C-alpha atoms as a PDB file:
ATOM      1  CA  UNK A   1     -42.863 -44.387   9.678  1.00  0.00           C
ATOM      2  CA  UNK A   2     -46.643 -44.626   9.906  1.00  0.00           C
ATOM      3  CA  UNK A   3     -48.367 -47.213   7.722  1.00  0.00           C
ATOM      4  CA  UNK A   4     -51.621 -49.144   7.727  1.00  0.00           C
ATOM      5  CA  UNK A   5     -51.262 -52.928   8.016  1.00  0.00           C
ATOM      6  CA  UNK A   6     -54.419 -54.998   7.556  1.00  0.00           C
ATOM      7  CA  UNK A   7     -56.531 -51.949   8.343  1.00  0.00           C
ATOM      8  CA  UNK A   8     -54.666 -51.070  11.553  1.00  0.00           C
ATOM      9  CA  UNK A   9     -52.485 -47.965  11.902  1.00  0.00           C
ATOM     10  CA  UNK A  10     -48.951 -49.003  12.886  1.00  0.00           C
ATOM     11  CA  UNK A  11     -45.735 -47.145  13.539  1.00  0.00           C
ATOM     12  CA  UNK A  12     -42.722 -49.156  12.393  1.00  0.00           C
ATOM     13  CA  UNK A  13     -38.995 -48.513  12.219  1.00  0.00           C
ATOM     14  CA  UNK A  14     -37.203 -50.560   9.582  1.00  0.00           C
ATOM     15  CA  UNK A  15     -33.453 -50.404   8.958  1.00  0.00           C
ATOM     16  CA  UNK A  16     -34.202 -50.882   5.260  1.00  0.00           C
ATOM     17  CA  UNK A  17     -37.821 -50.017   4.427  1.00  0.00           C
ATOM     18  CA  UNK A  18     -38.709 -52.950   2.154  1.00  0.00           C
ATOM     19  CA  UNK A  19     -41.641 -55.334   2.234  1.00  0.00           C
ATOM     20  CA  UNK A  20     -39.371 -58.310   2.977  1.00  0.00           C
ATOM     21  CA  UNK A  21     -38.036 -56.492   6.064  1.00  0.00           C
ATOM     22  CA  UNK A  22     -41.576 -55.627   7.126  1.00  0.00           C
ATOM     23  CA  UNK A  23     -42.485 -59.326   6.918  1.00  0.00           C
ATOM     24  CA  UNK A  24     -39.403 -60.160   9.005  1.00  0.00           C
ATOM     25  CA  UNK A  25     -40.458 -57.562  11.592  1.00  0.00           C
ATOM     26  CA  UNK A  26     -43.749 -59.457  11.998  1.00  0.00           C
ATOM     27  CA  UNK A  27     -42.053 -62.911  11.887  1.00  0.00           C
ATOM     28  CA  UNK A  28     -43.668 -63.693   8.524  1.00  0.00           C
ATOM     29  CA  UNK A  29     -40.588 -63.901   6.291  1.00  0.00           C
ATOM     30  CA  UNK A  30     -40.469 -67.276   4.547  1.00  0.00           C
ATOM     31  CA  UNK A  31     -44.098 -68.075   5.375  1.00  0.00           C
ATOM     32  CA  UNK A  32     -46.869 -68.532   2.807  1.00  0.00           C
ATOM     33  CA  UNK A  33     -48.253 -65.015   2.488  1.00  0.00           C
ATOM     34  CA  UNK A  34     -49.728 -62.735  -0.141  1.00  0.00           C
ATOM     35  CA  UNK A  35     -48.799 -59.062   0.184  1.00  0.00           C
ATOM     36  CA  UNK A  36     -50.745 -56.173  -1.281  1.00  0.00           C
ATOM     37  CA  UNK A  37     -49.256 -52.676  -1.217  1.00  0.00           C
ATOM     38  CA  UNK A  38     -51.553 -49.749  -1.942  1.00  0.00           C
ATOM     39  CA  UNK A  39     -54.067 -51.950  -3.750  1.00  0.00           C
ATOM     40  CA  UNK A  40     -51.537 -53.872  -5.868  1.00  0.00           C
ATOM     41  CA  UNK A  41     -50.480 -57.468  -5.219  1.00  0.00           C
ATOM     42  CA  UNK A  42     -46.693 -57.639  -4.956  1.00  0.00           C
ATOM     43  CA  UNK A  43     -45.097 -60.747  -6.513  1.00  0.00           C
ATOM     44  CA  UNK A  44     -42.980 -62.766  -4.078  1.00  0.00           C
ATOM     45  CA  UNK A  45     -39.806 -62.097  -6.091  1.00  0.00           C
ATOM     46  CA  UNK A  46     -40.340 -58.322  -5.725  1.00  0.00           C
ATOM     47  CA  UNK A  47     -40.777 -58.183  -1.927  1.00  0.00           C
ATOM     48  CA  UNK A  48     -37.085 -57.416  -1.329  1.00  0.00           C
ATOM     49  CA  UNK A  49     -37.032 -54.611  -3.891  1.00  0.00           C
ATOM     50  CA  UNK A  50     -40.370 -52.973  -3.030  1.00  0.00           C
ATOM     51  CA  UNK A  51     -39.955 -50.055  -0.641  1.00  0.00           C
ATOM     52  CA  UNK A  52     -42.392 -49.185   2.120  1.00  0.00           C
ATOM     53  CA  UNK A  53     -43.140 -45.480   2.473  1.00  0.00           C
ATOM     54  CA  UNK A  54     -44.873 -43.402   5.115  1.00  0.00           C
ATOM     55  CA  UNK A  55     -48.637 -43.596   4.601  1.00  0.00           C
ATOM     56  CA  UNK A  56     -48.597 -46.886   2.654  1.00  0.00           C
ATOM     57  CA  UNK A  57     -51.492 -49.319   3.046  1.00  0.00           C
ATOM     58  CA  UNK A  58     -50.285 -52.906   3.322  1.00  0.00           C
ATOM     59  CA  UNK A  59     -52.473 -56.005   3.421  1.00  0.00           C
ATOM     60  CA  UNK A  60     -50.890 -59.306   4.422  1.00  0.00           C
ATOM     61  CA  UNK A  61     -52.807 -62.554   4.042  1.00  0.00           C
ATOM     62  CA  UNK A  62     -51.253 -65.638   5.607  1.00  0.00           C
ATOM     63  CA  UNK A  63     -52.245 -69.129   4.529  1.00  0.00           C
ATOM     64  CA  UNK A  64     -52.931 -71.556   7.350  1.00  0.00           C
ATOM     65  CA  UNK A  65     -53.145 -75.290   6.783  1.00  0.00           C
ATOM     66  CA  UNK A  66     -55.702 -77.457   8.423  1.00  0.00           C
ATOM     67  CA  UNK A  67     -58.097 -80.222   7.843  1.00  0.00           C
END
């Protein structure tokens, strides 16, 4: 499936096309991230039930600690 992740066109193959599996594909599952799908912020408790479809635009923002 072809999607746009953080402005970059990507081709991904997910066994189950959900946002939580997409995060796992990029080693981000369980990390502090905010996910936006097609202009809408997806609550953390909906990542496993939100499907990713061909042509979707996904933005992933990861929080990084520092001082």
